[in-house]
Amino acid sequence: MTPSFFDRDAVAVAEALIGATLELDGIGGVIVETEAYRRDEPASHSYKGQTLRNSAMFGPAGHVYVYRSYGLHWCLNFVCEAGSAVLIRAMEPRTGIETMRLRRGTSVDRLLCAGPGRLCQALAVTKEHDARSLFSAPFRVTAAHEVVEVCQGRRIGISKAIDLPWRFGALGSSYLSRGFPELIARSALIDRGTFPS
């Protein structure tokens, strides 16, 4: 992947990331759920402008924005166009599973990375990773090159702009943070090979 993959509309990036591989220090798996946040909508942290907390969202595309949700857990986002980002909501574990189990305190693999807080705990993501590049260690993101069936629905865990269908998931995955009961918009076959690599 290159910065051009991320330097575009966050909704397009969120969909294209389904099936991509994410690793941090060699531990990771396949991204199965994402949410898009644009600068011009009230659920986005950048909606009211740049602050110390959200400054990474206004930095280079292809960097990381990390914040703490409700003072409890970290959330990992990939920066897209200025002021927009994609929240990585869930991942299917593939490498370093034993380490993830220790970090999470569970042997139930389905729950290791099902949700943004769990994912960050499994990967040991902290504020120290904020504003870091996805194109150098400790991160490694690799685009999927096979056809992935994607479902789309409303974002969850927010109180504003709740009707926007900007949550994407790998259809049928058992590693999602939550199902897609409404399946808004459509389920589509997305050829990952057509996106910038």
N, C-alpha and C. Protein backbone atom coordinates (compact mmCIF):
# COMPACT_ATOMS: atom_id res chain seq x y z
N MET A 1 0.84 -1.20 0.00
CA MET A 1 0.00 0.00 0.00
C MET A 1 0.88 1.25 0.00
N THR A 2 0.34 2.32 -0.54
CA THR A 2 1.02 3.61 -0.58
C THR A 2 0.11 4.67 0.02
N PRO A 3 0.63 5.88 0.30
CA PRO A 3 -0.24 6.94 0.84
C PRO A 3 -1.46 7.23 -0.03
N SER A 4 -1.36 7.02 -1.34
CA SER A 4 -2.50 7.30 -2.21
C SER A 4 -3.70 6.41 -1.92
N PHE A 5 -3.47 5.22 -1.39
CA PHE A 5 -4.57 4.34 -1.01
C PHE A 5 -5.42 5.00 0.08
N PHE A 6 -4.76 5.69 1.02
CA PHE A 6 -5.46 6.29 2.15
C PHE A 6 -5.89 7.73 1.88
N ASP A 7 -5.22 8.42 0.96
CA ASP A 7 -5.49 9.84 0.72
C ASP A 7 -6.70 10.02 -0.19
N ARG A 8 -7.85 9.59 0.30
CA ARG A 8 -9.11 9.71 -0.43
C ARG A 8 -10.25 9.61 0.58
N ASP A 9 -11.45 9.58 0.08
CA ASP A 9 -12.63 9.57 0.93
C ASP A 9 -12.59 8.40 1.93
N ALA A 10 -12.86 8.69 3.19
CA ALA A 10 -12.77 7.68 4.24
C ALA A 10 -13.75 6.53 4.04
N VAL A 11 -14.91 6.80 3.45
CA VAL A 11 -15.89 5.75 3.23
C VAL A 11 -15.34 4.72 2.24
N ALA A 12 -14.70 5.20 1.17
CA ALA A 12 -14.10 4.29 0.19
C ALA A 12 -12.97 3.48 0.82
N VAL A 13 -12.17 4.13 1.64
CA VAL A 13 -11.05 3.44 2.28
C VAL A 13 -11.57 2.40 3.27
N ALA A 14 -12.59 2.75 4.04
CA ALA A 14 -13.15 1.81 5.02
C ALA A 14 -13.61 0.53 4.35
N GLU A 15 -14.25 0.66 3.21
CA GLU A 15 -14.72 -0.52 2.48
C GLU A 15 -13.56 -1.32 1.90
N ALA A 16 -12.58 -0.60 1.34
CA ALA A 16 -11.45 -1.27 0.69
C ALA A 16 -10.54 -1.99 1.68
N LEU A 17 -10.58 -1.59 2.95
CA LEU A 17 -9.73 -2.22 3.96
C LEU A 17 -10.24 -3.59 4.42
N ILE A 18 -11.48 -3.92 4.13
CA ILE A 18 -11.99 -5.23 4.52
C ILE A 18 -11.22 -6.30 3.75
N GLY A 19 -10.60 -7.20 4.49
CA GLY A 19 -9.78 -8.24 3.87
C GLY A 19 -8.30 -7.93 3.86
N ALA A 20 -7.93 -6.68 4.20
CA ALA A 20 -6.51 -6.33 4.28
C ALA A 20 -5.91 -6.94 5.55
N THR A 21 -4.60 -7.07 5.56
CA THR A 21 -3.90 -7.62 6.73
C THR A 21 -3.23 -6.50 7.51
N LEU A 22 -3.42 -6.51 8.82
CA LEU A 22 -2.81 -5.54 9.73
C LEU A 22 -1.94 -6.28 10.73
N GLU A 23 -0.70 -5.82 10.88
CA GLU A 23 0.19 -6.37 11.89
C GLU A 23 0.90 -5.25 12.63
N LEU A 24 1.13 -5.47 13.91
CA LEU A 24 1.90 -4.55 14.73
C LEU A 24 2.96 -5.40 15.43
N ASP A 25 4.21 -5.14 15.11
CA ASP A 25 5.32 -5.97 15.61
C ASP A 25 5.11 -7.45 15.28
N GLY A 26 4.58 -7.71 14.10
CA GLY A 26 4.40 -9.09 13.64
C GLY A 26 3.19 -9.80 14.18
N ILE A 27 2.39 -9.12 14.98
CA ILE A 27 1.18 -9.71 15.55
C ILE A 27 -0.03 -9.07 14.91
N GLY A 28 -0.95 -9.89 14.40
CA GLY A 28 -2.11 -9.29 13.75
C GLY A 28 -2.99 -10.27 13.04
N GLY A 29 -3.66 -9.79 11.99
CA GLY A 29 -4.60 -10.63 11.26
C GLY A 29 -5.29 -9.87 10.16
N VAL A 30 -6.47 -10.36 9.78
CA VAL A 30 -7.22 -9.81 8.66
C VAL A 30 -8.31 -8.87 9.17
N ILE A 31 -8.35 -7.68 8.64
CA ILE A 31 -9.36 -6.69 9.03
C ILE A 31 -10.72 -7.15 8.52
N VAL A 32 -11.69 -7.28 9.43
CA VAL A 32 -13.03 -7.75 9.04
C VAL A 32 -14.12 -6.73 9.33
N GLU A 33 -13.79 -5.60 9.97
CA GLU A 33 -14.81 -4.60 10.26
C GLU A 33 -14.18 -3.23 10.42
N THR A 34 -14.80 -2.23 9.79
CA THR A 34 -14.29 -0.86 9.83
C THR A 34 -15.46 0.11 9.92
N GLU A 35 -15.16 1.35 10.28
CA GLU A 35 -16.13 2.45 10.24
C GLU A 35 -15.44 3.69 9.71
N ALA A 36 -16.15 4.44 8.88
CA ALA A 36 -15.61 5.67 8.29
C ALA A 36 -16.11 6.89 9.05
N TYR A 37 -15.23 7.88 9.20
CA TYR A 37 -15.58 9.16 9.82
C TYR A 37 -15.02 10.29 8.97
N ARG A 38 -15.93 11.09 8.41
CA ARG A 38 -15.55 12.24 7.59
C ARG A 38 -15.49 13.50 8.45
N ARG A 39 -14.75 14.47 7.95
CA ARG A 39 -14.56 15.73 8.68
C ARG A 39 -15.85 16.53 8.82
N ASP A 40 -16.78 16.38 7.87
CA ASP A 40 -17.96 17.24 7.82
C ASP A 40 -19.19 16.65 8.50
N GLU A 41 -19.02 15.63 9.35
CA GLU A 41 -20.20 15.06 10.01
C GLU A 41 -19.96 14.99 11.53
N PRO A 42 -21.03 15.21 12.32
CA PRO A 42 -20.87 15.48 13.75
C PRO A 42 -20.37 14.33 14.61
N ALA A 43 -20.34 13.11 14.09
CA ALA A 43 -19.80 12.00 14.89
C ALA A 43 -18.28 11.95 14.83
N SER A 44 -17.70 12.71 13.92
CA SER A 44 -16.25 12.70 13.74
C SER A 44 -15.56 13.57 14.79
N HIS A 45 -14.42 13.12 15.28
CA HIS A 45 -13.65 13.90 16.24
C HIS A 45 -13.13 15.20 15.64
N SER A 46 -13.07 15.27 14.32
CA SER A 46 -12.53 16.46 13.66
C SER A 46 -13.60 17.49 13.29
N TYR A 47 -14.83 17.20 13.62
CA TYR A 47 -15.96 18.03 13.18
C TYR A 47 -15.83 19.49 13.61
N LYS A 48 -15.32 19.72 14.81
CA LYS A 48 -15.21 21.09 15.32
C LYS A 48 -13.83 21.69 15.12
N GLY A 49 -13.00 21.02 14.33
CA GLY A 49 -11.68 21.56 14.04
C GLY A 49 -10.57 20.82 14.75
N GLN A 50 -9.36 21.26 14.48
CA GLN A 50 -8.18 20.58 15.00
C GLN A 50 -7.93 20.94 16.46
N THR A 51 -7.60 19.93 17.25
CA THR A 51 -7.23 20.09 18.65
C THR A 51 -5.96 19.28 18.91
N LEU A 52 -5.45 19.37 20.11
CA LEU A 52 -4.28 18.58 20.47
C LEU A 52 -4.62 17.09 20.39
N ARG A 53 -5.82 16.73 20.83
CA ARG A 53 -6.22 15.32 20.85
C ARG A 53 -6.33 14.74 19.45
N ASN A 54 -6.94 15.47 18.52
CA ASN A 54 -7.21 14.90 17.18
C ASN A 54 -6.22 15.34 16.12
N SER A 55 -5.11 15.92 16.50
CA SER A 55 -4.18 16.51 15.52
C SER A 55 -3.70 15.49 14.49
N ALA A 56 -3.59 14.23 14.87
CA ALA A 56 -3.14 13.22 13.90
C ALA A 56 -4.12 13.07 12.74
N MET A 57 -5.41 13.38 12.97
CA MET A 57 -6.39 13.29 11.89
C MET A 57 -6.14 14.32 10.80
N PHE A 58 -5.40 15.37 11.13
CA PHE A 58 -5.10 16.41 10.16
C PHE A 58 -3.68 16.26 9.60
N GLY A 59 -3.04 15.17 9.94
CA GLY A 59 -1.70 14.89 9.46
C GLY A 59 -1.73 14.11 8.16
N PRO A 60 -0.60 13.50 7.80
CA PRO A 60 -0.50 12.80 6.52
C PRO A 60 -1.42 11.58 6.45
N ALA A 61 -1.96 11.33 5.26
CA ALA A 61 -2.74 10.12 5.04
C ALA A 61 -1.85 8.90 5.24
N GLY A 62 -2.43 7.83 5.76
CA GLY A 62 -1.66 6.62 5.99
C GLY A 62 -0.92 6.63 7.31
N HIS A 63 -1.31 7.53 8.20
CA HIS A 63 -0.78 7.54 9.55
C HIS A 63 -1.87 7.07 10.51
N VAL A 64 -1.52 6.97 11.78
CA VAL A 64 -2.41 6.41 12.78
C VAL A 64 -2.95 7.50 13.69
N TYR A 65 -4.22 7.40 13.99
CA TYR A 65 -4.85 8.25 15.01
C TYR A 65 -5.35 7.33 16.11
N VAL A 66 -4.82 7.52 17.33
CA VAL A 66 -5.20 6.69 18.47
C VAL A 66 -5.82 7.59 19.53
N TYR A 67 -6.97 7.19 20.04
CA TYR A 67 -7.62 7.92 21.13
C TYR A 67 -8.20 6.93 22.13
N ARG A 68 -8.47 7.42 23.33
CA ARG A 68 -9.08 6.58 24.36
C ARG A 68 -10.58 6.82 24.39
N SER A 69 -11.35 5.76 24.31
CA SER A 69 -12.80 5.84 24.27
C SER A 69 -13.37 5.76 25.68
N TYR A 70 -14.14 6.78 26.07
CA TYR A 70 -14.79 6.83 27.39
C TYR A 70 -13.79 6.61 28.53
N GLY A 71 -12.53 6.93 28.29
CA GLY A 71 -11.51 6.78 29.31
C GLY A 71 -11.17 5.34 29.65
N LEU A 72 -11.63 4.40 28.81
CA LEU A 72 -11.47 2.98 29.14
C LEU A 72 -10.49 2.24 28.23
N HIS A 73 -10.65 2.39 26.92
CA HIS A 73 -9.82 1.60 26.01
C HIS A 73 -9.38 2.43 24.81
N TRP A 74 -8.27 2.01 24.21
CA TRP A 74 -7.73 2.70 23.05
C TRP A 74 -8.48 2.27 21.79
N CYS A 75 -8.51 3.17 20.80
CA CYS A 75 -9.11 2.90 19.51
C CYS A 75 -8.12 3.27 18.41
N LEU A 76 -7.99 2.39 17.42
CA LEU A 76 -7.02 2.55 16.34
C LEU A 76 -7.73 3.00 15.07
N ASN A 77 -7.24 4.10 14.51
CA ASN A 77 -7.80 4.66 13.28
C ASN A 77 -6.70 4.88 12.25
N PHE A 78 -7.05 4.75 10.98
CA PHE A 78 -6.15 5.06 9.89
C PHE A 78 -6.58 6.39 9.27
N VAL A 79 -5.66 7.35 9.19
CA VAL A 79 -5.97 8.68 8.66
C VAL A 79 -6.12 8.62 7.14
N CYS A 80 -7.15 9.29 6.65
CA CYS A 80 -7.41 9.35 5.20
C CYS A 80 -7.23 10.79 4.75
N GLU A 81 -8.18 11.35 4.00
CA GLU A 81 -8.11 12.77 3.65
C GLU A 81 -8.07 13.58 4.94
N ALA A 82 -7.55 14.80 4.85
CA ALA A 82 -7.39 15.63 6.05
C ALA A 82 -8.67 15.70 6.86
N GLY A 83 -8.56 15.37 8.14
CA GLY A 83 -9.71 15.44 9.03
C GLY A 83 -10.62 14.23 8.99
N SER A 84 -10.24 13.21 8.27
CA SER A 84 -11.08 12.01 8.21
C SER A 84 -10.24 10.78 8.53
N ALA A 85 -10.93 9.72 8.97
CA ALA A 85 -10.20 8.52 9.37
C ALA A 85 -11.12 7.31 9.34
N VAL A 86 -10.51 6.14 9.38
CA VAL A 86 -11.24 4.87 9.43
C VAL A 86 -10.92 4.18 10.76
N LEU A 87 -11.95 3.89 11.53
CA LEU A 87 -11.79 3.13 12.77
C LEU A 87 -11.70 1.65 12.43
N ILE A 88 -10.67 0.99 12.95
CA ILE A 88 -10.53 -0.45 12.76
C ILE A 88 -11.29 -1.13 13.90
N ARG A 89 -12.44 -1.71 13.58
CA ARG A 89 -13.35 -2.23 14.61
C ARG A 89 -13.10 -3.68 14.97
N ALA A 90 -12.66 -4.51 14.02
CA ALA A 90 -12.48 -5.92 14.33
C ALA A 90 -11.52 -6.57 13.34
N MET A 91 -10.92 -7.66 13.78
CA MET A 91 -9.91 -8.35 12.99
C MET A 91 -9.98 -9.85 13.29
N GLU A 92 -9.72 -10.65 12.28
CA GLU A 92 -9.59 -12.09 12.47
C GLU A 92 -8.14 -12.40 12.78
N PRO A 93 -7.82 -12.88 13.98
CA PRO A 93 -6.42 -13.13 14.35
C PRO A 93 -5.77 -14.18 13.45
N ARG A 94 -4.52 -13.92 13.06
CA ARG A 94 -3.79 -14.85 12.22
C ARG A 94 -2.39 -15.14 12.74
N THR A 95 -1.69 -14.12 13.23
CA THR A 95 -0.31 -14.29 13.71
C THR A 95 -0.17 -13.78 15.14
N GLY A 96 0.63 -14.48 15.93
CA GLY A 96 0.84 -14.07 17.32
C GLY A 96 -0.38 -14.30 18.20
N ILE A 97 -1.14 -15.33 17.89
CA ILE A 97 -2.39 -15.58 18.61
C ILE A 97 -2.14 -15.86 20.09
N GLU A 98 -1.09 -16.59 20.42
CA GLU A 98 -0.80 -16.87 21.83
C GLU A 98 -0.52 -15.59 22.60
N THR A 99 0.20 -14.67 21.98
CA THR A 99 0.47 -13.38 22.62
C THR A 99 -0.83 -12.61 22.82
N MET A 100 -1.70 -12.63 21.82
CA MET A 100 -2.99 -11.96 21.95
C MET A 100 -3.80 -12.56 23.10
N ARG A 101 -3.80 -13.86 23.22
CA ARG A 101 -4.54 -14.52 24.30
C ARG A 101 -4.04 -14.07 25.67
N LEU A 102 -2.73 -13.95 25.80
CA LEU A 102 -2.16 -13.49 27.07
C LEU A 102 -2.55 -12.05 27.36
N ARG A 103 -2.45 -11.21 26.35
CA ARG A 103 -2.79 -9.79 26.54
C ARG A 103 -4.26 -9.60 26.86
N ARG A 104 -5.11 -10.41 26.24
CA ARG A 104 -6.54 -10.26 26.43
C ARG A 104 -7.07 -11.08 27.61
N GLY A 105 -6.30 -12.06 28.06
CA GLY A 105 -6.74 -12.89 29.17
C GLY A 105 -7.89 -13.82 28.81
N THR A 106 -7.89 -14.28 27.56
CA THR A 106 -8.94 -15.20 27.12
C THR A 106 -8.37 -16.16 26.09
N SER A 107 -8.95 -17.35 26.04
CA SER A 107 -8.55 -18.33 25.02
C SER A 107 -9.59 -18.44 23.93
N VAL A 108 -10.60 -17.59 23.97
CA VAL A 108 -11.66 -17.59 22.96
C VAL A 108 -11.20 -16.70 21.80
N ASP A 109 -10.70 -17.31 20.75
CA ASP A 109 -10.11 -16.55 19.65
C ASP A 109 -11.09 -15.58 19.01
N ARG A 110 -12.37 -15.93 18.97
CA ARG A 110 -13.37 -15.07 18.36
C ARG A 110 -13.48 -13.72 19.06
N LEU A 111 -13.09 -13.69 20.34
CA LEU A 111 -13.21 -12.46 21.13
C LEU A 111 -11.89 -11.69 21.26
N LEU A 112 -10.84 -12.17 20.67
CA LEU A 112 -9.54 -11.50 20.82
C LEU A 112 -9.55 -10.09 20.24
N CYS A 113 -10.14 -9.92 19.06
CA CYS A 113 -10.08 -8.63 18.35
C CYS A 113 -11.46 -8.18 17.88
N ALA A 114 -12.52 -8.66 18.53
CA ALA A 114 -13.89 -8.32 18.13
C ALA A 114 -14.34 -7.06 18.86
N GLY A 115 -14.00 -5.92 18.30
CA GLY A 115 -14.29 -4.63 18.91
C GLY A 115 -13.02 -3.81 18.99
N PRO A 116 -13.13 -2.50 18.85
CA PRO A 116 -11.92 -1.66 18.80
C PRO A 116 -11.06 -1.71 20.06
N GLY A 117 -11.68 -1.79 21.23
CA GLY A 117 -10.91 -1.88 22.47
C GLY A 117 -10.19 -3.20 22.60
N ARG A 118 -10.88 -4.27 22.29
CA ARG A 118 -10.26 -5.59 22.33
C ARG A 118 -9.12 -5.69 21.34
N LEU A 119 -9.33 -5.17 20.15
CA LEU A 119 -8.29 -5.20 19.11
C LEU A 119 -7.03 -4.47 19.58
N CYS A 120 -7.22 -3.29 20.17
CA CYS A 120 -6.06 -2.53 20.63
C CYS A 120 -5.35 -3.22 21.78
N GLN A 121 -6.10 -3.86 22.66
CA GLN A 121 -5.47 -4.61 23.75
C GLN A 121 -4.68 -5.79 23.20
N ALA A 122 -5.26 -6.50 22.22
CA ALA A 122 -4.59 -7.66 21.63
C ALA A 122 -3.31 -7.27 20.91
N LEU A 123 -3.31 -6.10 20.27
CA LEU A 123 -2.13 -5.63 19.53
C LEU A 123 -1.21 -4.75 20.37
N ALA A 124 -1.61 -4.45 21.60
CA ALA A 124 -0.85 -3.56 22.49
C ALA A 124 -0.73 -2.15 21.92
N VAL A 125 -1.81 -1.67 21.32
CA VAL A 125 -1.86 -0.29 20.81
C VAL A 125 -2.07 0.66 21.98
N THR A 126 -1.29 1.74 22.02
CA THR A 126 -1.44 2.77 23.05
C THR A 126 -1.30 4.15 22.39
N LYS A 127 -1.39 5.17 23.20
CA LYS A 127 -1.24 6.54 22.70
C LYS A 127 0.15 6.75 22.09
N GLU A 128 1.12 5.93 22.47
CA GLU A 128 2.46 6.04 21.92
C GLU A 128 2.47 5.80 20.41
N HIS A 129 1.45 5.14 19.89
CA HIS A 129 1.38 4.87 18.44
C HIS A 129 0.70 5.99 17.67
N ASP A 130 0.12 6.95 18.37
CA ASP A 130 -0.58 8.05 17.71
C ASP A 130 0.36 8.80 16.77
N ALA A 131 -0.12 9.09 15.57
CA ALA A 131 0.60 9.84 14.54
C ALA A 131 1.75 9.06 13.90
N ARG A 132 1.88 7.78 14.19
CA ARG A 132 2.91 6.96 13.55
C ARG A 132 2.47 6.57 12.15
N SER A 133 3.44 6.33 11.28
CA SER A 133 3.17 5.94 9.90
C SER A 133 2.82 4.46 9.81
N LEU A 134 1.88 4.14 8.93
CA LEU A 134 1.55 2.74 8.66
C LEU A 134 2.55 2.08 7.72
N PHE A 135 3.49 2.87 7.19
CA PHE A 135 4.42 2.37 6.18
C PHE A 135 5.78 2.02 6.74
N SER A 136 5.88 2.01 8.07
CA SER A 136 7.15 1.63 8.70
C SER A 136 6.86 0.93 10.02
N ALA A 137 7.89 0.26 10.54
CA ALA A 137 7.74 -0.47 11.80
C ALA A 137 7.25 0.48 12.90
N PRO A 138 6.38 -0.01 13.79
CA PRO A 138 6.03 -1.42 13.99
C PRO A 138 4.84 -1.91 13.18
N PHE A 139 4.28 -1.01 12.32
CA PHE A 139 3.08 -1.39 11.57
C PHE A 139 3.42 -2.04 10.23
N ARG A 140 2.50 -2.89 9.80
CA ARG A 140 2.55 -3.46 8.45
C ARG A 140 1.11 -3.69 8.01
N VAL A 141 0.72 -3.04 6.92
CA VAL A 141 -0.62 -3.20 6.36
C VAL A 141 -0.47 -3.65 4.92
N THR A 142 -1.13 -4.76 4.59
CA THR A 142 -1.05 -5.34 3.26
C THR A 142 -2.44 -5.46 2.67
N ALA A 143 -2.61 -4.98 1.46
CA ALA A 143 -3.92 -5.03 0.80
C ALA A 143 -4.31 -6.46 0.47
N ALA A 144 -5.61 -6.72 0.53
CA ALA A 144 -6.13 -8.02 0.10
C ALA A 144 -6.13 -8.05 -1.42
N HIS A 145 -5.87 -9.22 -1.98
CA HIS A 145 -5.84 -9.33 -3.44
C HIS A 145 -6.85 -10.34 -3.95
N GLU A 146 -7.76 -10.75 -3.09
CA GLU A 146 -8.82 -11.65 -3.52
C GLU A 146 -10.16 -10.92 -3.41
N VAL A 147 -11.17 -11.49 -4.01
CA VAL A 147 -12.50 -10.92 -3.93
C VAL A 147 -13.05 -11.16 -2.52
N VAL A 148 -13.56 -10.11 -1.90
CA VAL A 148 -14.11 -10.19 -0.56
C VAL A 148 -15.56 -9.74 -0.60
N GLU A 149 -16.45 -10.52 0.01
CA GLU A 149 -17.85 -10.13 0.07
C GLU A 149 -18.05 -9.22 1.28
N VAL A 150 -18.57 -8.04 1.03
CA VAL A 150 -18.65 -6.99 2.05
C VAL A 150 -20.10 -6.63 2.34
N CYS A 151 -20.42 -6.46 3.63
CA CYS A 151 -21.73 -5.95 4.01
C CYS A 151 -21.56 -4.56 4.60
N GLN A 152 -22.63 -3.81 4.61
CA GLN A 152 -22.59 -2.40 5.00
C GLN A 152 -23.78 -2.09 5.88
N GLY A 153 -23.56 -1.26 6.90
CA GLY A 153 -24.65 -0.89 7.79
C GLY A 153 -24.33 0.37 8.57
N ARG A 154 -25.20 0.68 9.52
CA ARG A 154 -25.01 1.87 10.35
C ARG A 154 -23.84 1.70 11.31
N ARG A 155 -23.18 2.80 11.60
CA ARG A 155 -22.12 2.80 12.61
C ARG A 155 -22.76 2.58 13.98
N ILE A 156 -21.96 2.06 14.91
CA ILE A 156 -22.49 1.74 16.23
C ILE A 156 -21.65 2.42 17.32
N GLY A 157 -22.24 2.54 18.50
CA GLY A 157 -21.52 3.13 19.62
C GLY A 157 -21.40 4.64 19.57
N ILE A 158 -22.24 5.29 18.75
CA ILE A 158 -22.21 6.75 18.64
C ILE A 158 -23.62 7.28 18.85
N SER A 159 -23.73 8.59 19.08
CA SER A 159 -25.05 9.19 19.33
C SER A 159 -25.41 10.24 18.27
N LYS A 160 -24.49 10.53 17.37
CA LYS A 160 -24.75 11.53 16.32
C LYS A 160 -24.55 10.89 14.95
N ALA A 161 -25.29 11.40 13.97
CA ALA A 161 -25.20 10.90 12.60
C ALA A 161 -25.31 9.37 12.56
N ILE A 162 -26.25 8.85 13.34
CA ILE A 162 -26.37 7.40 13.51
C ILE A 162 -26.96 6.69 12.29
N ASP A 163 -27.54 7.44 11.37
CA ASP A 163 -28.16 6.79 10.20
C ASP A 163 -27.21 6.60 9.04
N LEU A 164 -26.01 7.14 9.13
CA LEU A 164 -25.07 7.00 8.02
C LEU A 164 -24.57 5.56 7.94
N PRO A 165 -24.69 4.93 6.76
CA PRO A 165 -24.30 3.51 6.62
C PRO A 165 -22.81 3.36 6.32
N TRP A 166 -21.98 3.76 7.27
CA TRP A 166 -20.53 3.80 7.01
C TRP A 166 -19.76 2.78 7.83
N ARG A 167 -20.44 1.70 8.23
CA ARG A 167 -19.75 0.56 8.85
C ARG A 167 -19.71 -0.57 7.83
N PHE A 168 -18.54 -1.18 7.68
CA PHE A 168 -18.35 -2.24 6.69
C PHE A 168 -17.82 -3.49 7.39
N GLY A 169 -18.20 -4.64 6.88
CA GLY A 169 -17.74 -5.88 7.46
C GLY A 169 -17.59 -6.98 6.43
N ALA A 170 -16.81 -7.98 6.78
CA ALA A 170 -16.68 -9.17 5.94
C ALA A 170 -17.92 -10.03 6.17
N LEU A 171 -18.71 -10.19 5.14
CA LEU A 171 -19.98 -10.89 5.26
C LEU A 171 -19.78 -12.31 5.78
N GLY A 172 -20.50 -12.66 6.84
CA GLY A 172 -20.43 -14.00 7.39
C GLY A 172 -19.29 -14.26 8.36
N SER A 173 -18.44 -13.25 8.61
CA SER A 173 -17.32 -13.45 9.51
C SER A 173 -17.81 -13.65 10.94
N SER A 174 -17.21 -14.58 11.66
CA SER A 174 -17.54 -14.80 13.07
C SER A 174 -16.70 -13.93 13.99
N TYR A 175 -15.87 -13.06 13.41
CA TYR A 175 -14.97 -12.22 14.20
C TYR A 175 -15.44 -10.77 14.28
N LEU A 176 -16.63 -10.46 13.79
CA LEU A 176 -17.18 -9.11 13.86
C LEU A 176 -17.46 -8.72 15.30
N SER A 177 -17.41 -7.42 15.58
CA SER A 177 -17.76 -6.95 16.92
C SER A 177 -19.25 -7.08 17.16
N ARG A 178 -20.02 -6.95 16.10
CA ARG A 178 -21.47 -7.06 16.15
C ARG A 178 -21.96 -7.35 14.73
N GLY A 179 -23.11 -8.00 14.64
CA GLY A 179 -23.64 -8.35 13.32
C GLY A 179 -24.19 -7.15 12.57
N PHE A 180 -24.65 -7.39 11.37
CA PHE A 180 -25.24 -6.38 10.50
C PHE A 180 -26.70 -6.76 10.25
N PRO A 181 -27.58 -6.57 11.24
CA PRO A 181 -28.96 -7.05 11.08
C PRO A 181 -29.72 -6.35 9.96
N GLU A 182 -29.40 -5.07 9.72
CA GLU A 182 -30.18 -4.34 8.72
C GLU A 182 -29.58 -4.43 7.32
N LEU A 183 -28.28 -4.70 7.21
CA LEU A 183 -27.60 -4.77 5.92
C LEU A 183 -28.01 -3.62 5.01
N ILE A 184 -27.81 -2.42 5.48
CA ILE A 184 -28.17 -1.22 4.72
C ILE A 184 -27.37 -1.16 3.41
N ALA A 185 -27.97 -0.61 2.42
CA ALA A 185 -27.38 -0.29 1.13
C ALA A 185 -27.20 -1.52 0.25
N ARG A 186 -26.36 -2.49 0.67
CA ARG A 186 -26.16 -3.66 -0.16
C ARG A 186 -25.05 -4.53 0.41
N SER A 187 -24.99 -5.72 -0.10
CA SER A 187 -23.81 -6.55 0.07
C SER A 187 -23.18 -6.65 -1.30
N ALA A 188 -21.89 -6.45 -1.40
CA ALA A 188 -21.27 -6.38 -2.72
C ALA A 188 -19.98 -7.16 -2.76
N LEU A 189 -19.63 -7.61 -3.95
CA LEU A 189 -18.33 -8.22 -4.16
C LEU A 189 -17.37 -7.12 -4.58
N ILE A 190 -16.33 -6.94 -3.79
CA ILE A 190 -15.35 -5.89 -4.06
C ILE A 190 -14.05 -6.55 -4.48
N ASP A 191 -13.58 -6.20 -5.65
CA ASP A 191 -12.31 -6.72 -6.14
C ASP A 191 -11.20 -5.84 -5.61
N ARG A 192 -10.46 -6.31 -4.63
CA ARG A 192 -9.42 -5.51 -4.01
C ARG A 192 -8.30 -5.17 -4.99
N GLY A 193 -8.17 -5.93 -6.04
CA GLY A 193 -7.11 -5.65 -7.00
C GLY A 193 -7.31 -4.37 -7.77
N THR A 194 -8.51 -3.78 -7.72
CA THR A 194 -8.78 -2.55 -8.47
C THR A 194 -8.41 -1.31 -7.71
N PHE A 195 -8.05 -1.46 -6.43
CA PHE A 195 -7.69 -0.30 -5.63
C PHE A 195 -6.19 -0.06 -5.67
N PRO A 196 -5.76 1.20 -5.43
CA PRO A 196 -4.33 1.48 -5.43
C PRO A 196 -3.63 0.62 -4.41
N SER A 197 -2.44 0.14 -4.75
CA SER A 197 -1.70 -0.72 -3.82
C SER A 197 -0.47 0.02 -3.31
